[in-house]
Amino acid sequence: MQYLVSVIDDKSNPGSTDRQPAISVFNERLIAEGHWVFAGGLADTDAATVIDNRGEQAVFSDGPFVESKEYLAGLWVWEAPDLDVALKLAAEASKICDRKIEVRPFQ
């Protein structure tokens, strides 16, 4: 089963910025154990553009979809045999990257 693992940062209480070496080691472990599918960090919300093309013409808006102190800072897609394994890995990931983590299974 695959899981979307979202890294959530907080503008009012951001995670540490020196975590990249530990995250790289964790990612190497995910690869070695067969959990890695994909991962990536995201640019700041100031770089976001929202497009709504449900009407007669597309409307482009600068900024994130939702204004919030918390925002999506990055993501992983993991392969895990079950939710328990994904949650165990997510608890480690939260500690390693010093941010909240949300886990959601793909349907």
PDB file of N, CA and C in Angstrom:
ATOM      1  N   MET A   1       0.846  -1.179   0.000  1.00  0.00           N
ATOM      2  CA  MET A   1       0.000   0.000   0.000  1.00  0.00           C
ATOM      3  C   MET A   1       0.888   1.238   0.000  1.00  0.00           C
ATOM      4  N   GLN A   2       0.438   2.267  -0.698  1.00  0.00           N
ATOM      5  CA  GLN A   2       1.195   3.514  -0.728  1.00  0.00           C
ATOM      6  C   GLN A   2       0.519   4.568   0.133  1.00  0.00           C
ATOM      7  N   TYR A   3       1.367   5.431   0.706  1.00  0.00           N
ATOM      8  CA  TYR A   3       0.912   6.479   1.616  1.00  0.00           C
ATOM      9  C   TYR A   3       1.513   7.816   1.203  1.00  0.00           C
ATOM     10  N   LEU A   4       0.685   8.860   1.239  1.00  0.00           N
ATOM     11  CA  LEU A   4       1.168  10.222   1.093  1.00  0.00           C
ATOM     12  C   LEU A   4       1.549  10.701   2.485  1.00  0.00           C
ATOM     13  N   VAL A   5       2.783  11.108   2.634  1.00  0.00           N
ATOM     14  CA  VAL A   5       3.297  11.558   3.926  1.00  0.00           C
ATOM     15  C   VAL A   5       3.639  13.040   3.778  1.00  0.00           C
ATOM     16  N   SER A   6       2.814  13.895   4.357  1.00  0.00           N
ATOM     17  CA  SER A   6       2.961  15.337   4.218  1.00  0.00           C
ATOM     18  C   SER A   6       3.760  15.904   5.381  1.00  0.00           C
ATOM     19  N   VAL A   7       4.699  16.774   5.044  1.00  0.00           N
ATOM     20  CA  VAL A   7       5.510  17.469   6.042  1.00  0.00           C
ATOM     21  C   VAL A   7       4.884  18.835   6.246  1.00  0.00           C
ATOM     22  N   ILE A   8       4.477  19.114   7.465  1.00  0.00           N
ATOM     23  CA  ILE A   8       3.743  20.340   7.772  1.00  0.00           C
ATOM     24  C   ILE A   8       4.616  21.243   8.636  1.00  0.00           C
ATOM     25  N   ASP A   9       4.882  22.434   8.139  1.00  0.00           N
ATOM     26  CA  ASP A   9       5.650  23.407   8.912  1.00  0.00           C
ATOM     27  C   ASP A   9       4.694  24.471   9.445  1.00  0.00           C
ATOM     28  N   ASP A  10       5.195  25.329  10.309  1.00  0.00           N
ATOM     29  CA  ASP A  10       4.371  26.311  11.004  1.00  0.00           C
ATOM     30  C   ASP A  10       5.106  27.644  10.972  1.00  0.00           C
ATOM     31  N   LYS A  11       4.517  28.658  10.333  1.00  0.00           N
ATOM     32  CA  LYS A  11       5.171  29.962  10.227  1.00  0.00           C
ATOM     33  C   LYS A  11       5.442  30.596  11.598  1.00  0.00           C
ATOM     34  N   SER A  12       4.583  30.320  12.585  1.00  0.00           N
ATOM     35  CA  SER A  12       4.776  30.935  13.900  1.00  0.00           C
ATOM     36  C   SER A  12       5.732  30.130  14.785  1.00  0.00           C
ATOM     37  N   ASN A  13       5.993  28.879  14.430  1.00  0.00           N
ATOM     38  CA  ASN A  13       6.901  28.028  15.204  1.00  0.00           C
ATOM     39  C   ASN A  13       7.576  27.043  14.246  1.00  0.00           C
ATOM     40  N   PRO A  14       8.455  27.560  13.349  1.00  0.00           N
ATOM     41  CA  PRO A  14       9.012  26.710  12.300  1.00  0.00           C
ATOM     42  C   PRO A  14       9.968  25.650  12.834  1.00  0.00           C
ATOM     43  N   GLY A  15      10.073  24.559  12.086  1.00  0.00           N
ATOM     44  CA  GLY A  15      11.023  23.517  12.409  1.00  0.00           C
ATOM     45  C   GLY A  15      12.451  23.999  12.194  1.00  0.00           C
ATOM     46  N   SER A  16      13.403  23.272  12.736  1.00  0.00           N
ATOM     47  CA  SER A  16      14.815  23.614  12.594  1.00  0.00           C
ATOM     48  C   SER A  16      15.224  23.568  11.127  1.00  0.00           C
ATOM     49  N   THR A  17      16.137  24.441  10.760  1.00  0.00           N
ATOM     50  CA  THR A  17      16.589  24.502   9.374  1.00  0.00           C
ATOM     51  C   THR A  17      17.826  23.645   9.121  1.00  0.00           C
ATOM     52  N   ASP A  18      18.382  23.032  10.133  1.00  0.00           N
ATOM     53  CA  ASP A  18      19.627  22.259   9.989  1.00  0.00           C
ATOM     54  C   ASP A  18      19.381  20.760   9.898  1.00  0.00           C
ATOM     55  N   ARG A  19      18.211  20.351   9.481  1.00  0.00           N
ATOM     56  CA  ARG A  19      17.829  18.933   9.506  1.00  0.00           C
ATOM     57  C   ARG A  19      18.183  18.153   8.235  1.00  0.00           C
ATOM     58  N   GLN A  20      18.649  18.823   7.177  1.00  0.00           N
ATOM     59  CA  GLN A  20      18.847  18.137   5.906  1.00  0.00           C
ATOM     60  C   GLN A  20      19.790  16.935   5.985  1.00  0.00           C
ATOM     61  N   PRO A  21      20.924  16.999   6.703  1.00  0.00           N
ATOM     62  CA  PRO A  21      21.773  15.802   6.776  1.00  0.00           C
ATOM     63  C   PRO A  21      21.050  14.590   7.388  1.00  0.00           C
ATOM     64  N   ALA A  22      20.281  14.802   8.447  1.00  0.00           N
ATOM     65  CA  ALA A  22      19.548  13.707   9.085  1.00  0.00           C
ATOM     66  C   ALA A  22      18.428  13.196   8.174  1.00  0.00           C
ATOM     67  N   ILE A  23      17.784  14.105   7.450  1.00  0.00           N
ATOM     68  CA  ILE A  23      16.731  13.703   6.517  1.00  0.00           C
ATOM     69  C   ILE A  23      17.330  12.857   5.396  1.00  0.00           C
ATOM     70  N   SER A  24      18.502  13.232   4.910  1.00  0.00           N
ATOM     71  CA  SER A  24      19.160  12.460   3.856  1.00  0.00           C
ATOM     72  C   SER A  24      19.479  11.041   4.319  1.00  0.00           C
ATOM     73  N   VAL A  25      19.951  10.899   5.551  1.00  0.00           N
ATOM     74  CA  VAL A  25      20.235   9.569   6.105  1.00  0.00           C
ATOM     75  C   VAL A  25      18.939   8.763   6.213  1.00  0.00           C
ATOM     76  N   PHE A  26      17.869   9.391   6.685  1.00  0.00           N
ATOM     77  CA  PHE A  26      16.573   8.730   6.789  1.00  0.00           C
ATOM     78  C   PHE A  26      16.079   8.294   5.410  1.00  0.00           C
ATOM     79  N   ASN A  27      16.226   9.184   4.411  1.00  0.00           N
ATOM     80  CA  ASN A  27      15.803   8.845   3.057  1.00  0.00           C
ATOM     81  C   ASN A  27      16.578   7.638   2.519  1.00  0.00           C
ATOM     82  N   GLU A  28      17.872   7.582   2.786  1.00  0.00           N
ATOM     83  CA  GLU A  28      18.684   6.441   2.352  1.00  0.00           C
ATOM     84  C   GLU A  28      18.179   5.146   2.988  1.00  0.00           C
ATOM     85  N   ARG A  29      17.767   5.236   4.240  1.00  0.00           N
ATOM     86  CA  ARG A  29      17.206   4.063   4.913  1.00  0.00           C
ATOM     87  C   ARG A  29      15.875   3.650   4.291  1.00  0.00           C
ATOM     88  N   LEU A  30      15.029   4.634   3.972  1.00  0.00           N
ATOM     89  CA  LEU A  30      13.762   4.328   3.307  1.00  0.00           C
ATOM     90  C   LEU A  30      14.006   3.603   1.987  1.00  0.00           C
ATOM     91  N   ILE A  31      14.994   4.061   1.235  1.00  0.00           N
ATOM     92  CA  ILE A  31      15.336   3.423  -0.038  1.00  0.00           C
ATOM     93  C   ILE A  31      15.808   1.998   0.209  1.00  0.00           C
ATOM     94  N   ALA A  32      16.736   1.825   1.145  1.00  0.00           N
ATOM     95  CA  ALA A  32      17.305   0.500   1.429  1.00  0.00           C
ATOM     96  C   ALA A  32      16.250  -0.492   1.898  1.00  0.00           C
ATOM     97  N   GLU A  33      15.253  -0.020   2.643  1.00  0.00           N
ATOM     98  CA  GLU A  33      14.212  -0.902   3.173  1.00  0.00           C
ATOM     99  C   GLU A  33      13.025  -1.079   2.226  1.00  0.00           C
ATOM    100  N   GLY A  34      13.068  -0.420   1.063  1.00  0.00           N
ATOM    101  CA  GLY A  34      12.013  -0.589   0.072  1.00  0.00           C
ATOM    102  C   GLY A  34      10.768   0.252   0.298  1.00  0.00           C
ATOM    103  N   HIS A  35      10.843   1.265   1.150  1.00  0.00           N
ATOM    104  CA  HIS A  35       9.680   2.118   1.426  1.00  0.00           C
ATOM    105  C   HIS A  35       9.599   3.327   0.492  1.00  0.00           C
ATOM    106  N   TRP A  36      10.741   3.747  -0.047  1.00  0.00           N
ATOM    107  CA  TRP A  36      10.831   4.964  -0.852  1.00  0.00           C
ATOM    108  C   TRP A  36      10.103   4.813  -2.178  1.00  0.00           C
ATOM    109  N   VAL A  37       9.231   5.761  -2.507  1.00  0.00           N
ATOM    110  CA  VAL A  37       8.645   5.870  -3.830  1.00  0.00           C
ATOM    111  C   VAL A  37       9.047   7.213  -4.435  1.00  0.00           C
ATOM    112  N   PHE A  38       8.850   8.291  -3.649  1.00  0.00           N
ATOM    113  CA  PHE A  38       9.118   9.645  -4.131  1.00  0.00           C
ATOM    114  C   PHE A  38       9.175  10.582  -2.935  1.00  0.00           C
ATOM    115  N   ALA A  39       9.913  11.677  -3.084  1.00  0.00           N
ATOM    116  CA  ALA A  39       9.921  12.713  -2.051  1.00  0.00           C
ATOM    117  C   ALA A  39      10.342  14.035  -2.665  1.00  0.00           C
ATOM    118  N   GLY A  40       9.967  15.112  -2.009  1.00  0.00           N
ATOM    119  CA  GLY A  40      10.396  16.430  -2.455  1.00  0.00           C
ATOM    120  C   GLY A  40      10.004  17.498  -1.470  1.00  0.00           C
ATOM    121  N   GLY A  41      10.847  18.511  -1.377  1.00  0.00           N
ATOM    122  CA  GLY A  41      10.542  19.694  -0.580  1.00  0.00           C
ATOM    123  C   GLY A  41       9.852  20.720  -1.472  1.00  0.00           C
ATOM    124  N   LEU A  42       9.087  21.581  -0.869  1.00  0.00           N
ATOM    125  CA  LEU A  42       8.339  22.588  -1.618  1.00  0.00           C
ATOM    126  C   LEU A  42       8.851  23.989  -1.321  1.00  0.00           C
ATOM    127  N   ALA A  43       8.764  24.861  -2.319  1.00  0.00           N
ATOM    128  CA  ALA A  43       9.099  26.266  -2.135  1.00  0.00           C
ATOM    129  C   ALA A  43       8.120  26.885  -1.140  1.00  0.00           C
ATOM    130  N   ASP A  44       8.471  28.028  -0.619  1.00  0.00           N
ATOM    131  CA  ASP A  44       7.615  28.748   0.319  1.00  0.00           C
ATOM    132  C   ASP A  44       6.253  29.040  -0.313  1.00  0.00           C
ATOM    133  N   THR A  45       5.252  29.226   0.514  1.00  0.00           N
ATOM    134  CA  THR A  45       3.890  29.477   0.028  1.00  0.00           C
ATOM    135  C   THR A  45       3.795  30.746  -0.818  1.00  0.00           C
ATOM    136  N   ASP A  46       4.738  31.673  -0.660  1.00  0.00           N
ATOM    137  CA  ASP A  46       4.741  32.885  -1.484  1.00  0.00           C
ATOM    138  C   ASP A  46       4.913  32.559  -2.964  1.00  0.00           C
ATOM    139  N   ALA A  47       5.460  31.386  -3.270  1.00  0.00           N
ATOM    140  CA  ALA A  47       5.694  30.980  -4.655  1.00  0.00           C
ATOM    141  C   ALA A  47       4.491  30.247  -5.259  1.00  0.00           C
ATOM    142  N   ALA A  48       3.430  30.046  -4.484  1.00  0.00           N
ATOM    143  CA  ALA A  48       2.273  29.269  -4.947  1.00  0.00           C
ATOM    144  C   ALA A  48       1.372  30.090  -5.868  1.00  0.00           C
ATOM    145  N   THR A  49       0.733  29.402  -6.799  1.00  0.00           N
ATOM    146  CA  THR A  49      -0.299  29.976  -7.649  1.00  0.00           C
ATOM    147  C   THR A  49      -1.473  29.009  -7.660  1.00  0.00           C
ATOM    148  N   VAL A  50      -2.666  29.520  -7.462  1.00  0.00           N
ATOM    149  CA  VAL A  50      -3.886  28.716  -7.503  1.00  0.00           C
ATOM    150  C   VAL A  50      -4.615  29.030  -8.801  1.00  0.00           C
ATOM    151  N   ILE A  51      -5.015  27.985  -9.521  1.00  0.00           N
ATOM    152  CA  ILE A  51      -5.737  28.144 -10.777  1.00  0.00           C
ATOM    153  C   ILE A  51      -7.137  27.550 -10.616  1.00  0.00           C
ATOM    154  N   ASP A  52      -8.156  28.337 -10.946  1.00  0.00           N
ATOM    155  CA  ASP A  52      -9.544  27.862 -10.924  1.00  0.00           C
ATOM    156  C   ASP A  52     -10.109  28.015 -12.330  1.00  0.00           C
ATOM    157  N   ASN A  53     -10.251  26.906 -13.023  1.00  0.00           N
ATOM    158  CA  ASN A  53     -10.764  26.937 -14.391  1.00  0.00           C
ATOM    159  C   ASN A  53     -12.118  26.251 -14.476  1.00  0.00           C
ATOM    160  N   ARG A  54     -12.938  26.440 -13.447  1.00  0.00           N
ATOM    161  CA  ARG A  54     -14.273  25.831 -13.439  1.00  0.00           C
ATOM    162  C   ARG A  54     -15.308  26.709 -14.109  1.00  0.00           C
ATOM    163  N   GLY A  55     -14.979  27.969 -14.349  1.00  0.00           N
ATOM    164  CA  GLY A  55     -15.932  28.889 -14.971  1.00  0.00           C
ATOM    165  C   GLY A  55     -15.655  29.037 -16.451  1.00  0.00           C
ATOM    166  N   GLU A  56     -15.979  30.211 -16.977  1.00  0.00           N
ATOM    167  CA  GLU A  56     -15.807  30.451 -18.412  1.00  0.00           C
ATOM    168  C   GLU A  56     -14.351  30.688 -18.789  1.00  0.00           C
ATOM    169  N   GLN A  57     -13.551  31.170 -17.841  1.00  0.00           N
ATOM    170  CA  GLN A  57     -12.121  31.338 -18.107  1.00  0.00           C
ATOM    171  C   GLN A  57     -11.337  31.090 -16.821  1.00  0.00           C
ATOM    172  N   ALA A  58     -10.099  30.727 -17.001  1.00  0.00           N
ATOM    173  CA  ALA A  58      -9.244  30.406 -15.847  1.00  0.00           C
ATOM    174  C   ALA A  58      -8.927  31.663 -15.046  1.00  0.00           C
ATOM    175  N   VAL A  59      -8.965  31.520 -13.724  1.00  0.00           N
ATOM    176  CA  VAL A  59      -8.595  32.592 -12.818  1.00  0.00           C
ATOM    177  C   VAL A  59      -7.332  32.147 -12.091  1.00  0.00           C
ATOM    178  N   PHE A  60      -6.282  32.968 -12.164  1.00  0.00           N
ATOM    179  CA  PHE A  60      -5.005  32.682 -11.520  1.00  0.00           C
ATOM    180  C   PHE A  60      -4.852  33.608 -10.318  1.00  0.00           C
ATOM    181  N   SER A  61      -4.558  33.020  -9.147  1.00  0.00           N
ATOM    182  CA  SER A  61      -4.400  33.802  -7.920  1.00  0.00           C
ATOM    183  C   SER A  61      -3.033  33.512  -7.320  1.00  0.00           C
ATOM    184  N   ASP A  62      -2.324  34.568  -6.944  1.00  0.00           N
ATOM    185  CA  ASP A  62      -1.034  34.398  -6.270  1.00  0.00           C
ATOM    186  C   ASP A  62      -1.259  33.958  -4.838  1.00  0.00           C
ATOM    187  N   GLY A  63      -0.340  33.150  -4.348  1.00  0.00           N
ATOM    188  CA  GLY A  63      -0.397  32.722  -2.958  1.00  0.00           C
ATOM    189  C   GLY A  63      -1.039  31.363  -2.801  1.00  0.00           C
ATOM    190  N   PRO A  64      -1.023  30.850  -1.598  1.00  0.00           N
ATOM    191  CA  PRO A  64      -1.541  29.502  -1.347  1.00  0.00           C
ATOM    192  C   PRO A  64      -3.066  29.448  -1.430  1.00  0.00           C
ATOM    193  N   PHE A  65      -3.583  28.233  -1.581  1.00  0.00           N
ATOM    194  CA  PHE A  65      -5.021  27.993  -1.630  1.00  0.00           C
ATOM    195  C   PHE A  65      -5.687  28.478  -0.350  1.00  0.00           C
ATOM    196  N   VAL A  66      -5.059  28.184   0.786  1.00  0.00           N
ATOM    197  CA  VAL A  66      -5.601  28.564   2.087  1.00  0.00           C
ATOM    198  C   VAL A  66      -4.539  29.362   2.837  1.00  0.00           C
ATOM    199  N   GLU A  67      -4.917  30.511   3.364  1.00  0.00           N
ATOM    200  CA  GLU A  67      -4.018  31.280   4.222  1.00  0.00           C
ATOM    201  C   GLU A  67      -4.034  30.659   5.605  1.00  0.00           C
ATOM    202  N   SER A  68      -2.879  30.225   6.066  1.00  0.00           N
ATOM    203  CA  SER A  68      -2.802  29.535   7.342  1.00  0.00           C
ATOM    204  C   SER A  68      -1.390  29.664   7.892  1.00  0.00           C
ATOM    205  N   LYS A  69      -1.255  29.565   9.207  1.00  0.00           N
ATOM    206  CA  LYS A  69       0.091  29.574   9.774  1.00  0.00           C
ATOM    207  C   LYS A  69       0.804  28.263   9.492  1.00  0.00           C
ATOM    208  N   GLU A  70       0.052  27.165   9.309  1.00  0.00           N
ATOM    209  CA  GLU A  70       0.634  25.878   8.947  1.00  0.00           C
ATOM    210  C   GLU A  70       0.529  25.690   7.436  1.00  0.00           C
ATOM    211  N   TYR A  71       1.531  25.041   6.871  1.00  0.00           N
ATOM    212  CA  TYR A  71       1.546  24.868   5.422  1.00  0.00           C
ATOM    213  C   TYR A  71       2.315  23.604   5.053  1.00  0.00           C
ATOM    214  N   LEU A  72       2.053  23.105   3.853  1.00  0.00           N
ATOM    215  CA  LEU A  72       2.734  21.927   3.342  1.00  0.00           C
ATOM    216  C   LEU A  72       4.138  22.324   2.907  1.00  0.00           C
ATOM    217  N   ALA A  73       5.151  21.761   3.571  1.00  0.00           N
ATOM    218  CA  ALA A  73       6.542  22.108   3.297  1.00  0.00           C
ATOM    219  C   ALA A  73       7.234  21.082   2.410  1.00  0.00           C
ATOM    220  N   GLY A  74       6.676  19.887   2.345  1.00  0.00           N
ATOM    221  CA  GLY A  74       7.266  18.830   1.529  1.00  0.00           C
ATOM    222  C   GLY A  74       6.432  17.575   1.647  1.00  0.00           C
ATOM    223  N   LEU A  75       6.869  16.538   0.945  1.00  0.00           N
ATOM    224  CA  LEU A  75       6.104  15.292   0.987  1.00  0.00           C
ATOM    225  C   LEU A  75       6.990  14.109   0.639  1.00  0.00           C
ATOM    226  N   TRP A  76       6.544  12.970   1.097  1.00  0.00           N
ATOM    227  CA  TRP A  76       7.068  11.676   0.688  1.00  0.00           C
ATOM    228  C   TRP A  76       5.895  10.860   0.166  1.00  0.00           C
ATOM    229  N   VAL A  77       6.174   9.918  -0.698  1.00  0.00           N
ATOM    230  CA  VAL A  77       5.250   8.835  -0.996  1.00  0.00           C
ATOM    231  C   VAL A  77       5.993   7.572  -0.602  1.00  0.00           C
ATOM    232  N   TRP A  78       5.399   6.816   0.314  1.00  0.00           N
ATOM    233  CA  TRP A  78       6.024   5.598   0.836  1.00  0.00           C
ATOM    234  C   TRP A  78       5.213   4.372   0.448  1.00  0.00           C
ATOM    235  N   GLU A  79       5.911   3.285   0.339  1.00  0.00           N
ATOM    236  CA  GLU A  79       5.312   1.960   0.201  1.00  0.00           C
ATOM    237  C   GLU A  79       5.480   1.279   1.553  1.00  0.00           C
ATOM    238  N   ALA A  80       4.393   0.794   2.130  1.00  0.00           N
ATOM    239  CA  ALA A  80       4.447   0.099   3.425  1.00  0.00           C
ATOM    240  C   ALA A  80       3.402  -1.008   3.426  1.00  0.00           C
ATOM    241  N   PRO A  81       3.682  -2.099   4.129  1.00  0.00           N
ATOM    242  CA  PRO A  81       2.732  -3.217   4.131  1.00  0.00           C
ATOM    243  C   PRO A  81       1.405  -2.895   4.807  1.00  0.00           C
ATOM    244  N   ASP A  82       1.428  -1.919   5.739  1.00  0.00           N
ATOM    245  CA  ASP A  82       0.194  -1.553   6.433  1.00  0.00           C
ATOM    246  C   ASP A  82       0.358  -0.198   7.108  1.00  0.00           C
ATOM    247  N   LEU A  83      -0.740   0.313   7.639  1.00  0.00           N
ATOM    248  CA  LEU A  83      -0.745   1.625   8.276  1.00  0.00           C
ATOM    249  C   LEU A  83       0.175   1.674   9.490  1.00  0.00           C
ATOM    250  N   ASP A  84       0.249   0.602  10.254  1.00  0.00           N
ATOM    251  CA  ASP A  84       1.111   0.597  11.442  1.00  0.00           C
ATOM    252  C   ASP A  84       2.565   0.884  11.075  1.00  0.00           C
ATOM    253  N   VAL A  85       3.045   0.269  10.010  1.00  0.00           N
ATOM    254  CA  VAL A  85       4.427   0.506   9.564  1.00  0.00           C
ATOM    255  C   VAL A  85       4.586   1.955   9.111  1.00  0.00           C
ATOM    256  N   ALA A  86       3.617   2.464   8.341  1.00  0.00           N
ATOM    257  CA  ALA A  86       3.681   3.847   7.868  1.00  0.00           C
ATOM    258  C   ALA A  86       3.686   4.827   9.037  1.00  0.00           C
ATOM    259  N   LEU A  87       2.877   4.566  10.060  1.00  0.00           N
ATOM    260  CA  LEU A  87       2.822   5.462  11.217  1.00  0.00           C
ATOM    261  C   LEU A  87       4.108   5.412  12.031  1.00  0.00           C
ATOM    262  N   LYS A  88       4.704   4.241  12.138  1.00  0.00           N
ATOM    263  CA  LYS A  88       5.987   4.122  12.847  1.00  0.00           C
ATOM    264  C   LYS A  88       7.061   4.937  12.123  1.00  0.00           C
ATOM    265  N   LEU A  89       7.118   4.802  10.802  1.00  0.00           N
ATOM    266  CA  LEU A  89       8.073   5.577  10.020  1.00  0.00           C
ATOM    267  C   LEU A  89       7.788   7.074  10.134  1.00  0.00           C
ATOM    268  N   ALA A  90       6.515   7.441  10.138  1.00  0.00           N
ATOM    269  CA  ALA A  90       6.129   8.850  10.232  1.00  0.00           C
ATOM    270  C   ALA A  90       6.541   9.455  11.571  1.00  0.00           C
ATOM    271  N   ALA A  91       6.447   8.677  12.641  1.00  0.00           N
ATOM    272  CA  ALA A  91       6.889   9.177  13.952  1.00  0.00           C
ATOM    273  C   ALA A  91       8.388   9.471  13.918  1.00  0.00           C
ATOM    274  N   GLU A  92       9.153   8.591  13.270  1.00  0.00           N
ATOM    275  CA  GLU A  92      10.589   8.836  13.114  1.00  0.00           C
ATOM    276  C   GLU A  92      10.831  10.069  12.249  1.00  0.00           C
ATOM    277  N   ALA A  93      10.091  10.179  11.157  1.00  0.00           N
ATOM    278  CA  ALA A  93      10.255  11.309  10.248  1.00  0.00           C
ATOM    279  C   ALA A  93       9.967  12.634  10.941  1.00  0.00           C
ATOM    280  N   SER A  94       8.947  12.672  11.770  1.00  0.00           N
ATOM    281  CA  SER A  94       8.601  13.891  12.498  1.00  0.00           C
ATOM    282  C   SER A  94       9.750  14.331  13.401  1.00  0.00           C
ATOM    283  N   LYS A  95      10.351  13.374  14.077  1.00  0.00           N
ATOM    284  CA  LYS A  95      11.488  13.685  14.952  1.00  0.00           C
ATOM    285  C   LYS A  95      12.674  14.167  14.124  1.00  0.00           C
ATOM    286  N   ILE A  96      12.946  13.465  13.019  1.00  0.00           N
ATOM    287  CA  ILE A  96      14.121  13.774  12.204  1.00  0.00           C
ATOM    288  C   ILE A  96      14.002  15.135  11.526  1.00  0.00           C
ATOM    289  N   CYS A  97      12.839  15.452  10.979  1.00  0.00           N
ATOM    290  CA  CYS A  97      12.721  16.725  10.260  1.00  0.00           C
ATOM    291  C   CYS A  97      12.174  17.864  11.131  1.00  0.00           C
ATOM    292  N   ASP A  98      11.840  17.560  12.387  1.00  0.00           N
ATOM    293  CA  ASP A  98      11.397  18.576  13.344  1.00  0.00           C
ATOM    294  C   ASP A  98      10.146  19.311  12.864  1.00  0.00           C
ATOM    295  N   ARG A  99       9.215  18.532  12.318  1.00  0.00           N
ATOM    296  CA  ARG A  99       7.962  19.096  11.843  1.00  0.00           C
ATOM    297  C   ARG A  99       6.840  18.086  12.053  1.00  0.00           C
ATOM    298  N   LYS A 100       5.608  18.553  11.956  1.00  0.00           N
ATOM    299  CA  LYS A 100       4.463  17.651  12.007  1.00  0.00           C
ATOM    300  C   LYS A 100       4.415  16.846  10.719  1.00  0.00           C
ATOM    301  N   ILE A 101       3.841  15.653  10.812  1.00  0.00           N
ATOM    302  CA  ILE A 101       3.701  14.771   9.660  1.00  0.00           C
ATOM    303  C   ILE A 101       2.243  14.300   9.596  1.00  0.00           C
ATOM    304  N   GLU A 102       1.680  14.306   8.404  1.00  0.00           N
ATOM    305  CA  GLU A 102       0.352  13.742   8.172  1.00  0.00           C
ATOM    306  C   GLU A 102       0.499  12.547   7.245  1.00  0.00           C
ATOM    307  N   VAL A 103      -0.150  11.436   7.579  1.00  0.00           N
ATOM    308  CA  VAL A 103      -0.095  10.213   6.775  1.00  0.00           C
ATOM    309  C   VAL A 103      -1.491   9.933   6.236  1.00  0.00           C
ATOM    310  N   ARG A 104      -1.576   9.731   4.910  1.00  0.00           N
ATOM    311  CA  ARG A 104      -2.860   9.401   4.285  1.00  0.00           C
ATOM    312  C   ARG A 104      -2.644   8.312   3.252  1.00  0.00           C
ATOM    313  N   PRO A 105      -3.404   7.223   3.346  1.00  0.00           N
ATOM    314  CA  PRO A 105      -3.273   6.171   2.336  1.00  0.00           C
ATOM    315  C   PRO A 105      -3.875   6.608   1.001  1.00  0.00           C
ATOM    316  N   PHE A 106      -3.258   6.136  -0.087  1.00  0.00           N
ATOM    317  CA  PHE A 106      -3.863   6.315  -1.385  1.00  0.00           C
ATOM    318  C   PHE A 106      -5.026   5.347  -1.521  1.00  0.00           C
ATOM    319  N   GLN A 107      -6.039   5.715  -2.269  1.00  0.00           N
ATOM    320  CA  GLN A 107      -7.184   4.827  -2.480  1.00  0.00           C
ATOM    321  C   GLN A 107      -6.955   3.955  -3.687  1.00  0.00           C
TER     322      GLN A 107
END
